[in-house]
Amino acid sequence: MEIGTVSSQSRLSNMNFFAFLLLVAALATGQDALFAFLKNTSFYWSESLLYKMYWLLFIPQTMLVAKALEKWPIEKKSSDGNWMHVLLAPLSSLIQILVFSALMDVLSAFFLGHSFQFSGVLRKW
C-alpha cells in the first residue's frame, strides 16, 4: 500500500512541477506579448517560447552542479575541491550558453520556418 501511495504522490508532484513550468512559461511569454503590444513591435509565440527554453535548462544544470558539489563538498580542504568550486560557476555558465545555442539552432530548424544559427545565438551573449 505504501508503494502505491509513494508513486501517486510522486506523480502528483510531477504534475504540479509541470503545471508550475507551464505557468512560468505562460507568464514570461505573456510579458513578451505585452511588451510587443506596448512598443508596437512584432511578436511571435513560437520564438518567445523557444527563447524561454534558456530558463528551463537551469533545472538539469542545477542538478549537475548539486552532483558536483556532492563529489567535492565545500568543507573538504583538498586543493582539487577548491579548484572545482572556483571553476564550477563559469564552467556551468559556459555549458548553459553552448547547450542553449545548439538547441536553438536545432529546434528552430525543426519547428520554425527558419533557423537561428548557432553562431548567431552565441554572438548575442
PDB file of N, CA and C in Angstrom:
ATOM      1  N   MET A   1       0.813  -1.186   0.000  1.00  0.00           N
ATOM      2  CA  MET A   1       0.000   0.000   0.000  1.00  0.00           C
ATOM      3  C   MET A   1       0.865   1.262   0.000  1.00  0.00           C
ATOM      4  N   GLU A   2       1.990   1.214   0.672  1.00  0.00           N
ATOM      5  CA  GLU A   2       2.872   2.372   0.681  1.00  0.00           C
ATOM      6  C   GLU A   2       3.444   2.652  -0.702  1.00  0.00           C
ATOM      7  N   ILE A   3       3.725   1.612  -1.458  1.00  0.00           N
ATOM      8  CA  ILE A   3       4.295   1.800  -2.785  1.00  0.00           C
ATOM      9  C   ILE A   3       3.324   2.569  -3.671  1.00  0.00           C
ATOM     10  N   GLY A   4       2.048   2.212  -3.617  1.00  0.00           N
ATOM     11  CA  GLY A   4       1.045   2.934  -4.392  1.00  0.00           C
ATOM     12  C   GLY A   4       0.943   4.388  -3.978  1.00  0.00           C
ATOM     13  N   THR A   5       1.046   4.635  -2.675  1.00  0.00           N
ATOM     14  CA  THR A   5       0.976   5.993  -2.160  1.00  0.00           C
ATOM     15  C   THR A   5       2.170   6.811  -2.614  1.00  0.00           C
ATOM     16  N   VAL A   6       3.348   6.202  -2.543  1.00  0.00           N
ATOM     17  CA  VAL A   6       4.551   6.914  -2.960  1.00  0.00           C
ATOM     18  C   VAL A   6       4.502   7.247  -4.445  1.00  0.00           C
ATOM     19  N   SER A   7       4.097   6.294  -5.265  1.00  0.00           N
ATOM     20  CA  SER A   7       4.058   6.560  -6.699  1.00  0.00           C
ATOM     21  C   SER A   7       2.988   7.583  -7.047  1.00  0.00           C
ATOM     22  N   SER A   8       1.844   7.551  -6.356  1.00  0.00           N
ATOM     23  CA  SER A   8       0.813   8.542  -6.655  1.00  0.00           C
ATOM     24  C   SER A   8       1.243   9.921  -6.170  1.00  0.00           C
ATOM     25  N   GLN A   9       1.944   9.989  -5.037  1.00  0.00           N
ATOM     26  CA  GLN A   9       2.472  11.266  -4.571  1.00  0.00           C
ATOM     27  C   GLN A   9       3.527  11.778  -5.530  1.00  0.00           C
ATOM     28  N   SER A  10       4.357  10.892  -6.031  1.00  0.00           N
ATOM     29  CA  SER A  10       5.387  11.276  -6.992  1.00  0.00           C
ATOM     30  C   SER A  10       4.754  11.781  -8.281  1.00  0.00           C
ATOM     31  N   ARG A  11       3.711  11.091  -8.739  1.00  0.00           N
ATOM     32  CA  ARG A  11       3.008  11.501  -9.945  1.00  0.00           C
ATOM     33  C   ARG A  11       2.371  12.877  -9.756  1.00  0.00           C
ATOM     34  N   LEU A  12       1.770  13.094  -8.582  1.00  0.00           N
ATOM     35  CA  LEU A  12       1.159  14.382  -8.272  1.00  0.00           C
ATOM     36  C   LEU A  12       2.217  15.475  -8.210  1.00  0.00           C
ATOM     37  N   SER A  13       3.349  15.163  -7.626  1.00  0.00           N
ATOM     38  CA  SER A  13       4.453  16.124  -7.559  1.00  0.00           C
ATOM     39  C   SER A  13       4.945  16.480  -8.960  1.00  0.00           C
ATOM     40  N   ASN A  14       5.065  15.479  -9.819  1.00  0.00           N
ATOM     41  CA  ASN A  14       5.493  15.733 -11.204  1.00  0.00           C
ATOM     42  C   ASN A  14       4.467  16.583 -11.944  1.00  0.00           C
ATOM     43  N   MET A  15       3.191  16.329 -11.712  1.00  0.00           N
ATOM     44  CA  MET A  15       2.150  17.122 -12.368  1.00  0.00           C
ATOM     45  C   MET A  15       2.187  18.560 -11.868  1.00  0.00           C
ATOM     46  N   ASN A  16       2.399  18.742 -10.571  1.00  0.00           N
ATOM     47  CA  ASN A  16       2.498  20.096 -10.026  1.00  0.00           C
ATOM     48  C   ASN A  16       3.703  20.831 -10.602  1.00  0.00           C
ATOM     49  N   PHE A  17       4.811  20.122 -10.724  1.00  0.00           N
ATOM     50  CA  PHE A  17       6.013  20.726 -11.289  1.00  0.00           C
ATOM     51  C   PHE A  17       5.777  21.120 -12.745  1.00  0.00           C
ATOM     52  N   PHE A  18       5.140  20.238 -13.518  1.00  0.00           N
ATOM     53  CA  PHE A  18       4.843  20.529 -14.914  1.00  0.00           C
ATOM     54  C   PHE A  18       3.888  21.712 -15.022  1.00  0.00           C
ATOM     55  N   ALA A  19       2.880  21.769 -14.142  1.00  0.00           N
ATOM     56  CA  ALA A  19       1.945  22.894 -14.140  1.00  0.00           C
ATOM     57  C   ALA A  19       2.670  24.188 -13.791  1.00  0.00           C
ATOM     58  N   PHE A  20       3.606  24.115 -12.856  1.00  0.00           N
ATOM     59  CA  PHE A  20       4.394  25.286 -12.493  1.00  0.00           C
ATOM     60  C   PHE A  20       5.215  25.770 -13.694  1.00  0.00           C
ATOM     61  N   LEU A  21       5.846  24.844 -14.410  1.00  0.00           N
ATOM     62  CA  LEU A  21       6.628  25.222 -15.588  1.00  0.00           C
ATOM     63  C   LEU A  21       5.755  25.858 -16.659  1.00  0.00           C
ATOM     64  N   LEU A  22       4.566  25.311 -16.868  1.00  0.00           N
ATOM     65  CA  LEU A  22       3.648  25.892 -17.847  1.00  0.00           C
ATOM     66  C   LEU A  22       3.214  27.301 -17.430  1.00  0.00           C
ATOM     67  N   LEU A  23       2.972  27.482 -16.150  1.00  0.00           N
ATOM     68  CA  LEU A  23       2.582  28.798 -15.655  1.00  0.00           C
ATOM     69  C   LEU A  23       3.708  29.813 -15.852  1.00  0.00           C
ATOM     70  N   VAL A  24       4.925  29.422 -15.530  1.00  0.00           N
ATOM     71  CA  VAL A  24       6.074  30.317 -15.709  1.00  0.00           C
ATOM     72  C   VAL A  24       6.256  30.652 -17.185  1.00  0.00           C
ATOM     73  N   ALA A  25       6.159  29.652 -18.054  1.00  0.00           N
ATOM     74  CA  ALA A  25       6.307  29.894 -19.497  1.00  0.00           C
ATOM     75  C   ALA A  25       5.205  30.815 -20.008  1.00  0.00           C
ATOM     76  N   ALA A  26       3.972  30.609 -19.537  1.00  0.00           N
ATOM     77  CA  ALA A  26       2.856  31.459 -19.971  1.00  0.00           C
ATOM     78  C   ALA A  26       3.044  32.898 -19.493  1.00  0.00           C
ATOM     79  N   LEU A  27       3.460  33.069 -18.253  1.00  0.00           N
ATOM     80  CA  LEU A  27       3.676  34.422 -17.737  1.00  0.00           C
ATOM     81  C   LEU A  27       4.822  35.129 -18.463  1.00  0.00           C
ATOM     82  N   ALA A  28       5.905  34.408 -18.687  1.00  0.00           N
ATOM     83  CA  ALA A  28       7.054  35.016 -19.366  1.00  0.00           C
ATOM     84  C   ALA A  28       6.718  35.356 -20.813  1.00  0.00           C
ATOM     85  N   THR A  29       6.005  34.467 -21.481  1.00  0.00           N
ATOM     86  CA  THR A  29       5.610  34.729 -22.865  1.00  0.00           C
ATOM     87  C   THR A  29       4.583  35.853 -22.911  1.00  0.00           C
ATOM     88  N   GLY A  30       3.681  35.880 -21.936  1.00  0.00           N
ATOM     89  CA  GLY A  30       2.725  36.981 -21.853  1.00  0.00           C
ATOM     90  C   GLY A  30       3.426  38.317 -21.650  1.00  0.00           C
ATOM     91  N   GLN A  31       4.509  38.307 -20.893  1.00  0.00           N
ATOM     92  CA  GLN A  31       5.295  39.522 -20.704  1.00  0.00           C
ATOM     93  C   GLN A  31       5.871  39.996 -22.039  1.00  0.00           C
ATOM     94  N   ASP A  32       6.370  39.060 -22.834  1.00  0.00           N
ATOM     95  CA  ASP A  32       6.881  39.418 -24.163  1.00  0.00           C
ATOM     96  C   ASP A  32       5.767  39.976 -25.047  1.00  0.00           C
ATOM     97  N   ALA A  33       4.596  39.342 -24.978  1.00  0.00           N
ATOM     98  CA  ALA A  33       3.466  39.801 -25.794  1.00  0.00           C
ATOM     99  C   ALA A  33       3.029  41.202 -25.369  1.00  0.00           C
ATOM    100  N   LEU A  34       2.975  41.447 -24.072  1.00  0.00           N
ATOM    101  CA  LEU A  34       2.601  42.768 -23.573  1.00  0.00           C
ATOM    102  C   LEU A  34       3.621  43.825 -23.992  1.00  0.00           C
ATOM    103  N   PHE A  35       4.889  43.496 -23.900  1.00  0.00           N
ATOM    104  CA  PHE A  35       5.935  44.417 -24.330  1.00  0.00           C
ATOM    105  C   PHE A  35       5.789  44.749 -25.818  1.00  0.00           C
ATOM    106  N   ALA A  36       5.560  43.710 -26.637  1.00  0.00           N
ATOM    107  CA  ALA A  36       5.399  43.927 -28.076  1.00  0.00           C
ATOM    108  C   ALA A  36       4.171  44.793 -28.359  1.00  0.00           C
ATOM    109  N   PHE A  37       3.103  44.567 -27.623  1.00  0.00           N
ATOM    110  CA  PHE A  37       1.894  45.361 -27.800  1.00  0.00           C
ATOM    111  C   PHE A  37       2.147  46.824 -27.419  1.00  0.00           C
ATOM    112  N   LEU A  38       2.770  47.047 -26.275  1.00  0.00           N
ATOM    113  CA  LEU A  38       3.002  48.414 -25.802  1.00  0.00           C
ATOM    114  C   LEU A  38       4.003  49.172 -26.666  1.00  0.00           C
ATOM    115  N   LYS A  39       4.982  48.462 -27.211  1.00  0.00           N
ATOM    116  CA  LYS A  39       6.004  49.103 -28.051  1.00  0.00           C
ATOM    117  C   LYS A  39       5.660  49.036 -29.531  1.00  0.00           C
ATOM    118  N   ASN A  40       4.500  48.432 -29.855  1.00  0.00           N
ATOM    119  CA  ASN A  40       4.045  48.314 -31.227  1.00  0.00           C
ATOM    120  C   ASN A  40       5.086  47.632 -32.118  1.00  0.00           C
ATOM    121  N   THR A  41       5.574  46.493 -31.631  1.00  0.00           N
ATOM    122  CA  THR A  41       6.535  45.693 -32.401  1.00  0.00           C
ATOM    123  C   THR A  41       5.911  44.335 -32.703  1.00  0.00           C
ATOM    124  N   SER A  42       6.560  43.585 -33.557  1.00  0.00           N
ATOM    125  CA  SER A  42       6.035  42.257 -33.893  1.00  0.00           C
ATOM    126  C   SER A  42       6.304  41.281 -32.752  1.00  0.00           C
ATOM    127  N   PHE A  43       5.456  40.271 -32.680  1.00  0.00           N
ATOM    128  CA  PHE A  43       5.574  39.259 -31.640  1.00  0.00           C
ATOM    129  C   PHE A  43       5.239  37.909 -32.234  1.00  0.00           C
ATOM    130  N   TYR A  44       6.050  36.894 -31.925  1.00  0.00           N
ATOM    131  CA  TYR A  44       5.842  35.527 -32.391  1.00  0.00           C
ATOM    132  C   TYR A  44       5.889  34.598 -31.183  1.00  0.00           C
ATOM    133  N   TRP A  45       4.769  33.906 -30.912  1.00  0.00           N
ATOM    134  CA  TRP A  45       4.686  32.996 -29.776  1.00  0.00           C
ATOM    135  C   TRP A  45       5.775  31.940 -29.836  1.00  0.00           C
ATOM    136  N   SER A  46       5.980  31.364 -31.002  1.00  0.00           N
ATOM    137  CA  SER A  46       6.936  30.266 -31.129  1.00  0.00           C
ATOM    138  C   SER A  46       8.355  30.716 -30.777  1.00  0.00           C
ATOM    139  N   GLU A  47       8.736  31.886 -31.242  1.00  0.00           N
ATOM    140  CA  GLU A  47      10.075  32.378 -30.934  1.00  0.00           C
ATOM    141  C   GLU A  47      10.215  32.741 -29.453  1.00  0.00           C
ATOM    142  N   SER A  48       9.179  33.315 -28.892  1.00  0.00           N
ATOM    143  CA  SER A  48       9.219  33.675 -27.485  1.00  0.00           C
ATOM    144  C   SER A  48       9.383  32.431 -26.616  1.00  0.00           C
ATOM    145  N   LEU A  49       8.588  31.396 -26.899  1.00  0.00           N
ATOM    146  CA  LEU A  49       8.704  30.145 -26.139  1.00  0.00           C
ATOM    147  C   LEU A  49      10.062  29.485 -26.337  1.00  0.00           C
ATOM    148  N   LEU A  50      10.584  29.576 -27.541  1.00  0.00           N
ATOM    149  CA  LEU A  50      11.889  28.988 -27.816  1.00  0.00           C
ATOM    150  C   LEU A  50      12.981  29.676 -26.997  1.00  0.00           C
ATOM    151  N   TYR A  51      12.914  30.973 -26.892  1.00  0.00           N
ATOM    152  CA  TYR A  51      13.897  31.694 -26.081  1.00  0.00           C
ATOM    153  C   TYR A  51      13.719  31.422 -24.590  1.00  0.00           C
ATOM    154  N   LYS A  52      12.508  31.105 -24.154  1.00  0.00           N
ATOM    155  CA  LYS A  52      12.268  30.793 -22.741  1.00  0.00           C
ATOM    156  C   LYS A  52      12.908  29.457 -22.362  1.00  0.00           C
ATOM    157  N   MET A  53      13.268  28.660 -23.328  1.00  0.00           N
ATOM    158  CA  MET A  53      13.923  27.386 -23.056  1.00  0.00           C
ATOM    159  C   MET A  53      15.217  27.587 -22.266  1.00  0.00           C
ATOM    160  N   TYR A  54      15.837  28.756 -22.401  1.00  0.00           N
ATOM    161  CA  TYR A  54      17.062  29.056 -21.664  1.00  0.00           C
ATOM    162  C   TYR A  54      16.854  28.849 -20.169  1.00  0.00           C
ATOM    163  N   TRP A  55      15.711  29.290 -19.659  1.00  0.00           N
ATOM    164  CA  TRP A  55      15.455  29.204 -18.228  1.00  0.00           C
ATOM    165  C   TRP A  55      15.138  27.781 -17.806  1.00  0.00           C
ATOM    166  N   LEU A  56      14.542  26.998 -18.685  1.00  0.00           N
ATOM    167  CA  LEU A  56      14.265  25.595 -18.351  1.00  0.00           C
ATOM    168  C   LEU A  56      15.546  24.775 -18.234  1.00  0.00           C
ATOM    169  N   LEU A  57      16.586  25.212 -18.908  1.00  0.00           N
ATOM    170  CA  LEU A  57      17.860  24.494 -18.833  1.00  0.00           C
ATOM    171  C   LEU A  57      18.511  24.614 -17.461  1.00  0.00           C
ATOM    172  N   PHE A  58      18.040  25.540 -16.639  1.00  0.00           N
ATOM    173  CA  PHE A  58      18.593  25.660 -15.296  1.00  0.00           C
ATOM    174  C   PHE A  58      18.263  24.451 -14.434  1.00  0.00           C
ATOM    175  N   ILE A  59      17.191  23.751 -14.736  1.00  0.00           N
ATOM    176  CA  ILE A  59      16.798  22.598 -13.928  1.00  0.00           C
ATOM    177  C   ILE A  59      17.848  21.493 -14.016  1.00  0.00           C
ATOM    178  N   PRO A  60      18.178  20.991 -15.216  1.00  0.00           N
ATOM    179  CA  PRO A  60      19.226  19.962 -15.254  1.00  0.00           C
ATOM    180  C   PRO A  60      20.593  20.507 -14.854  1.00  0.00           C
ATOM    181  N   GLN A  61      20.845  21.767 -15.155  1.00  0.00           N
ATOM    182  CA  GLN A  61      22.132  22.358 -14.780  1.00  0.00           C
ATOM    183  C   GLN A  61      22.281  22.393 -13.263  1.00  0.00           C
ATOM    184  N   THR A  62      21.229  22.757 -12.559  1.00  0.00           N
ATOM    185  CA  THR A  62      21.266  22.798 -11.106  1.00  0.00           C
ATOM    186  C   THR A  62      21.487  21.414 -10.523  1.00  0.00           C
ATOM    187  N   MET A  63      20.867  20.408 -11.133  1.00  0.00           N
ATOM    188  CA  MET A  63      21.075  19.040 -10.667  1.00  0.00           C
ATOM    189  C   MET A  63      22.520  18.599 -10.881  1.00  0.00           C
ATOM    190  N   LEU A  64      23.125  18.983 -12.003  1.00  0.00           N
ATOM    191  CA  LEU A  64      24.526  18.634 -12.252  1.00  0.00           C
ATOM    192  C   LEU A  64      25.463  19.355 -11.293  1.00  0.00           C
ATOM    193  N   VAL A  65      25.188  20.606 -11.013  1.00  0.00           N
ATOM    194  CA  VAL A  65      26.012  21.354 -10.061  1.00  0.00           C
ATOM    195  C   VAL A  65      25.891  20.732  -8.672  1.00  0.00           C
ATOM    196  N   ALA A  66      24.684  20.311  -8.288  1.00  0.00           N
ATOM    197  CA  ALA A  66      24.492  19.659  -6.985  1.00  0.00           C
ATOM    198  C   ALA A  66      25.291  18.365  -6.905  1.00  0.00           C
ATOM    199  N   LYS A  67      25.312  17.600  -8.002  1.00  0.00           N
ATOM    200  CA  LYS A  67      26.116  16.360  -8.029  1.00  0.00           C
ATOM    201  C   LYS A  67      27.604  16.678  -7.879  1.00  0.00           C
ATOM    202  N   ALA A  68      28.056  17.731  -8.548  1.00  0.00           N
ATOM    203  CA  ALA A  68      29.458  18.124  -8.444  1.00  0.00           C
ATOM    204  C   ALA A  68      29.797  18.552  -7.026  1.00  0.00           C
ATOM    205  N   LEU A  69      28.881  19.262  -6.379  1.00  0.00           N
ATOM    206  CA  LEU A  69      29.117  19.699  -5.002  1.00  0.00           C
ATOM    207  C   LEU A  69      29.100  18.530  -4.027  1.00  0.00           C
ATOM    208  N   GLU A  70      28.343  17.473  -4.370  1.00  0.00           N
ATOM    209  CA  GLU A  70      28.390  16.263  -3.541  1.00  0.00           C
ATOM    210  C   GLU A  70      29.759  15.600  -3.655  1.00  0.00           C
ATOM    211  N   LYS A  71      30.291  15.606  -4.855  1.00  0.00           N
ATOM    212  CA  LYS A  71      31.594  14.965  -5.075  1.00  0.00           C
ATOM    213  C   LYS A  71      32.721  15.780  -4.453  1.00  0.00           C
ATOM    214  N   TRP A  72      32.636  17.106  -4.543  1.00  0.00           N
ATOM    215  CA  TRP A  72      33.654  17.994  -3.975  1.00  0.00           C
ATOM    216  C   TRP A  72      32.980  18.944  -2.987  1.00  0.00           C
ATOM    217  N   PRO A  73      32.670  18.462  -1.782  1.00  0.00           N
ATOM    218  CA  PRO A  73      31.978  19.333  -0.827  1.00  0.00           C
ATOM    219  C   PRO A  73      32.831  20.523  -0.414  1.00  0.00           C
ATOM    220  N   ILE A  74      32.183  21.576  -0.022  1.00  0.00           N
ATOM    221  CA  ILE A  74      32.878  22.815   0.359  1.00  0.00           C
ATOM    222  C   ILE A  74      33.743  22.586   1.599  1.00  0.00           C
ATOM    223  N   GLU A  75      33.293  21.751   2.522  1.00  0.00           N
ATOM    224  CA  GLU A  75      34.038  21.512   3.749  1.00  0.00           C
ATOM    225  C   GLU A  75      35.378  20.814   3.492  1.00  0.00           C
ATOM    226  N   LYS A  76      35.472  20.146   2.377  1.00  0.00           N
ATOM    227  CA  LYS A  76      36.691  19.404   2.056  1.00  0.00           C
ATOM    228  C   LYS A  76      37.824  20.392   1.811  1.00  0.00           C
ATOM    229  N   LYS A  77      38.975  20.153   2.408  1.00  0.00           N
ATOM    230  CA  LYS A  77      40.092  21.096   2.338  1.00  0.00           C
ATOM    231  C   LYS A  77      41.129  20.734   1.274  1.00  0.00           C
ATOM    232  N   SER A  78      40.796  19.844   0.363  1.00  0.00           N
ATOM    233  CA  SER A  78      41.766  19.478  -0.664  1.00  0.00           C
ATOM    234  C   SER A  78      41.823  20.547  -1.750  1.00  0.00           C
ATOM    235  N   SER A  79      42.950  20.634  -2.388  1.00  0.00           N
ATOM    236  CA  SER A  79      43.100  21.632  -3.447  1.00  0.00           C
ATOM    237  C   SER A  79      42.227  21.300  -4.653  1.00  0.00           C
ATOM    238  N   ASP A  80      41.968  20.002  -4.909  1.00  0.00           N
ATOM    239  CA  ASP A  80      41.095  19.627  -6.030  1.00  0.00           C
ATOM    240  C   ASP A  80      39.692  20.199  -5.837  1.00  0.00           C
ATOM    241  N   GLY A  81      39.157  20.068  -4.625  1.00  0.00           N
ATOM    242  CA  GLY A  81      37.820  20.587  -4.338  1.00  0.00           C
ATOM    243  C   GLY A  81      37.756  22.096  -4.463  1.00  0.00           C
ATOM    244  N   ASN A  82      38.796  22.785  -4.006  1.00  0.00           N
ATOM    245  CA  ASN A  82      38.811  24.242  -4.086  1.00  0.00           C
ATOM    246  C   ASN A  82      38.830  24.712  -5.534  1.00  0.00           C
ATOM    247  N   TRP A  83      39.620  24.065  -6.370  1.00  0.00           N
ATOM    248  CA  TRP A  83      39.666  24.453  -7.786  1.00  0.00           C
ATOM    249  C   TRP A  83      38.334  24.184  -8.481  1.00  0.00           C
ATOM    250  N   MET A  84      37.695  23.109  -8.103  1.00  0.00           N
ATOM    251  CA  MET A  84      36.400  22.804  -8.714  1.00  0.00           C
ATOM    252  C   MET A  84      35.362  23.862  -8.344  1.00  0.00           C
ATOM    253  N   HIS A  85      35.418  24.346  -7.123  1.00  0.00           N
ATOM    254  CA  HIS A  85      34.470  25.387  -6.708  1.00  0.00           C
ATOM    255  C   HIS A  85      34.723  26.691  -7.451  1.00  0.00           C
ATOM    256  N   VAL A  86      35.975  26.996  -7.700  1.00  0.00           N
ATOM    257  CA  VAL A  86      36.310  28.219  -8.432  1.00  0.00           C
ATOM    258  C   VAL A  86      35.846  28.111  -9.886  1.00  0.00           C
ATOM    259  N   LEU A  87      35.969  26.933 -10.466  1.00  0.00           N
ATOM    260  CA  LEU A  87      35.636  26.739 -11.875  1.00  0.00           C
ATOM    261  C   LEU A  87      34.167  26.388 -12.116  1.00  0.00           C
ATOM    262  N   LEU A  88      33.456  25.969 -11.086  1.00  0.00           N
ATOM    263  CA  LEU A  88      32.105  25.445 -11.269  1.00  0.00           C
ATOM    264  C   LEU A  88      31.141  26.480 -11.860  1.00  0.00           C
ATOM    265  N   ALA A  89      31.113  27.688 -11.342  1.00  0.00           N
ATOM    266  CA  ALA A  89      30.176  28.708 -11.841  1.00  0.00           C
ATOM    267  C   ALA A  89      30.471  29.108 -13.281  1.00  0.00           C
ATOM    268  N   PRO A  90      31.716  29.499 -13.624  1.00  0.00           N
ATOM    269  CA  PRO A  90      31.941  29.871 -15.023  1.00  0.00           C
ATOM    270  C   PRO A  90      31.793  28.694 -15.988  1.00  0.00           C
ATOM    271  N   LEU A  91      32.176  27.504 -15.553  1.00  0.00           N
ATOM    272  CA  LEU A  91      32.051  26.334 -16.422  1.00  0.00           C
ATOM    273  C   LEU A  91      30.581  25.985 -16.662  1.00  0.00           C
ATOM    274  N   SER A  92      29.772  26.021 -15.606  1.00  0.00           N
ATOM    275  CA  SER A  92      28.353  25.711 -15.801  1.00  0.00           C
ATOM    276  C   SER A  92      27.667  26.781 -16.645  1.00  0.00           C
ATOM    277  N   SER A  93      28.082  28.027 -16.514  1.00  0.00           N
ATOM    278  CA  SER A  93      27.520  29.096 -17.348  1.00  0.00           C
ATOM    279  C   SER A  93      27.888  28.899 -18.817  1.00  0.00           C
ATOM    280  N   LEU A  94      29.141  28.544 -19.071  1.00  0.00           N
ATOM    281  CA  LEU A  94      29.582  28.299 -20.441  1.00  0.00           C
ATOM    282  C   LEU A  94      28.825  27.124 -21.058  1.00  0.00           C
ATOM    283  N   ILE A  95      28.667  26.064 -20.296  1.00  0.00           N
ATOM    284  CA  ILE A  95      27.928  24.900 -20.797  1.00  0.00           C
ATOM    285  C   ILE A  95      26.481  25.284 -21.086  1.00  0.00           C
ATOM    286  N   GLN A  96      25.859  26.059 -20.198  1.00  0.00           N
ATOM    287  CA  GLN A  96      24.471  26.509 -20.399  1.00  0.00           C
ATOM    288  C   GLN A  96      24.338  27.283 -21.712  1.00  0.00           C
ATOM    289  N   ILE A  97      25.253  28.197 -21.962  1.00  0.00           N
ATOM    290  CA  ILE A  97      25.196  29.020 -23.175  1.00  0.00           C
ATOM    291  C   ILE A  97      25.402  28.168 -24.425  1.00  0.00           C
ATOM    292  N   LEU A  98      26.347  27.241 -24.385  1.00  0.00           N
ATOM    293  CA  LEU A  98      26.607  26.389 -25.547  1.00  0.00           C
ATOM    294  C   LEU A  98      25.444  25.449 -25.834  1.00  0.00           C
ATOM    295  N   VAL A  99      24.889  24.840 -24.789  1.00  0.00           N
ATOM    296  CA  VAL A  99      23.750  23.930 -24.978  1.00  0.00           C
ATOM    297  C   VAL A  99      22.541  24.703 -25.489  1.00  0.00           C
ATOM    298  N   PHE A 100      22.286  25.872 -24.916  1.00  0.00           N
ATOM    299  CA  PHE A 100      21.160  26.693 -25.368  1.00  0.00           C
ATOM    300  C   PHE A 100      21.316  27.081 -26.832  1.00  0.00           C
ATOM    301  N   SER A 101      22.514  27.509 -27.224  1.00  0.00           N
ATOM    302  CA  SER A 101      22.746  27.901 -28.617  1.00  0.00           C
ATOM    303  C   SER A 101      22.532  26.730 -29.559  1.00  0.00           C
ATOM    304  N   ALA A 102      23.007  25.551 -29.164  1.00  0.00           N
ATOM    305  CA  ALA A 102      22.825  24.360 -30.003  1.00  0.00           C
ATOM    306  C   ALA A 102      21.351  23.980 -30.103  1.00  0.00           C
ATOM    307  N   LEU A 103      20.638  24.014 -28.986  1.00  0.00           N
ATOM    308  CA  LEU A 103      19.209  23.688 -29.012  1.00  0.00           C
ATOM    309  C   LEU A 103      18.412  24.703 -29.824  1.00  0.00           C
ATOM    310  N   MET A 104      18.762  25.969 -29.723  1.00  0.00           N
ATOM    311  CA  MET A 104      18.082  26.991 -30.528  1.00  0.00           C
ATOM    312  C   MET A 104      18.261  26.701 -32.015  1.00  0.00           C
ATOM    313  N   ASP A 105      19.468  26.338 -32.403  1.00  0.00           N
ATOM    314  CA  ASP A 105      19.755  26.031 -33.800  1.00  0.00           C
ATOM    315  C   ASP A 105      18.926  24.834 -34.261  1.00  0.00           C
ATOM    316  N   VAL A 106      18.958  23.754 -33.506  1.00  0.00           N
ATOM    317  CA  VAL A 106      18.281  22.517 -33.906  1.00  0.00           C
ATOM    318  C   VAL A 106      16.758  22.671 -33.843  1.00  0.00           C
ATOM    319  N   LEU A 107      16.244  23.174 -32.726  1.00  0.00           N
ATOM    320  CA  LEU A 107      14.792  23.259 -32.565  1.00  0.00           C
ATOM    321  C   LEU A 107      14.160  24.294 -33.488  1.00  0.00           C
ATOM    322  N   SER A 108      14.842  25.399 -33.741  1.00  0.00           N
ATOM    323  CA  SER A 108      14.266  26.385 -34.659  1.00  0.00           C
ATOM    324  C   SER A 108      14.229  25.838 -36.074  1.00  0.00           C
ATOM    325  N   ALA A 109      15.248  25.093 -36.467  1.00  0.00           N
ATOM    326  CA  ALA A 109      15.236  24.485 -37.799  1.00  0.00           C
ATOM    327  C   ALA A 109      14.131  23.439 -37.914  1.00  0.00           C
ATOM    328  N   PHE A 110      13.864  22.741 -36.831  1.00  0.00           N
ATOM    329  CA  PHE A 110      12.866  21.674 -36.844  1.00  0.00           C
ATOM    330  C   PHE A 110      11.440  22.221 -36.768  1.00  0.00           C
ATOM    331  N   PHE A 111      11.188  23.208 -35.891  1.00  0.00           N
ATOM    332  CA  PHE A 111       9.828  23.665 -35.638  1.00  0.00           C
ATOM    333  C   PHE A 111       9.439  24.951 -36.358  1.00  0.00           C
ATOM    334  N   LEU A 112      10.397  25.790 -36.686  1.00  0.00           N
ATOM    335  CA  LEU A 112      10.082  27.072 -37.317  1.00  0.00           C
ATOM    336  C   LEU A 112      10.432  27.025 -38.798  1.00  0.00           C
ATOM    337  N   GLY A 113       9.987  27.996 -39.531  1.00  0.00           N
ATOM    338  CA  GLY A 113      10.293  28.065 -40.950  1.00  0.00           C
ATOM    339  C   GLY A 113      11.711  28.541 -41.231  1.00  0.00           C
ATOM    340  N   HIS A 114      12.398  29.002 -40.222  1.00  0.00           N
ATOM    341  CA  HIS A 114      13.769  29.492 -40.361  1.00  0.00           C
ATOM    342  C   HIS A 114      14.592  28.975 -39.202  1.00  0.00           C
ATOM    343  N   SER A 115      15.878  29.183 -39.279  1.00  0.00           N
ATOM    344  CA  SER A 115      16.769  28.661 -38.248  1.00  0.00           C
ATOM    345  C   SER A 115      17.546  29.787 -37.586  1.00  0.00           C
ATOM    346  N   PHE A 116      17.663  29.700 -36.277  1.00  0.00           N
ATOM    347  CA  PHE A 116      18.572  30.582 -35.547  1.00  0.00           C
ATOM    348  C   PHE A 116      19.919  29.879 -35.536  1.00  0.00           C
ATOM    349  N   GLN A 117      20.868  30.423 -36.266  1.00  0.00           N
ATOM    350  CA  GLN A 117      22.172  29.773 -36.379  1.00  0.00           C
ATOM    351  C   GLN A 117      22.900  29.768 -35.031  1.00  0.00           C
ATOM    352  N   PHE A 118      23.634  28.678 -34.780  1.00  0.00           N
ATOM    353  CA  PHE A 118      24.383  28.519 -33.533  1.00  0.00           C
ATOM    354  C   PHE A 118      25.282  29.718 -33.270  1.00  0.00           C
ATOM    355  N   SER A 119      26.042  30.115 -34.263  1.00  0.00           N
ATOM    356  CA  SER A 119      26.977  31.220 -34.072  1.00  0.00           C
ATOM    357  C   SER A 119      26.241  32.547 -33.841  1.00  0.00           C
ATOM    358  N   GLY A 120      25.093  32.727 -34.471  1.00  0.00           N
ATOM    359  CA  GLY A 120      24.322  33.948 -34.273  1.00  0.00           C
ATOM    360  C   GLY A 120      23.764  34.053 -32.851  1.00  0.00           C
ATOM    361  N   VAL A 121      23.271  32.946 -32.325  1.00  0.00           N
ATOM    362  CA  VAL A 121      22.755  32.936 -30.946  1.00  0.00           C
ATOM    363  C   VAL A 121      23.909  33.139 -29.982  1.00  0.00           C
ATOM    364  N   LEU A 122      25.036  32.497 -30.263  1.00  0.00           N
ATOM    365  CA  LEU A 122      26.211  32.599 -29.399  1.00  0.00           C
ATOM    366  C   LEU A 122      26.756  34.023 -29.367  1.00  0.00           C
ATOM    367  N   ARG A 123      26.712  34.708 -30.504  1.00  0.00           N
ATOM    368  CA  ARG A 123      27.208  36.099 -30.552  1.00  0.00           C
ATOM    369  C   ARG A 123      26.387  37.045 -29.692  1.00  0.00           C
ATOM    370  N   LYS A 124      25.118  36.750 -29.493  1.00  0.00           N
ATOM    371  CA  LYS A 124      24.262  37.623 -28.688  1.00  0.00           C
ATOM    372  C   LYS A 124      24.640  37.600 -27.216  1.00  0.00           C
ATOM    373  N   TRP A 125      25.406  36.615 -26.795  1.00  0.00           N
ATOM    374  CA  TRP A 125      25.813  36.533 -25.397  1.00  0.00           C
ATOM    375  C   TRP A 125      27.012  37.394 -25.213  1.00  0.00           C
TER     376      TRP A 125
END
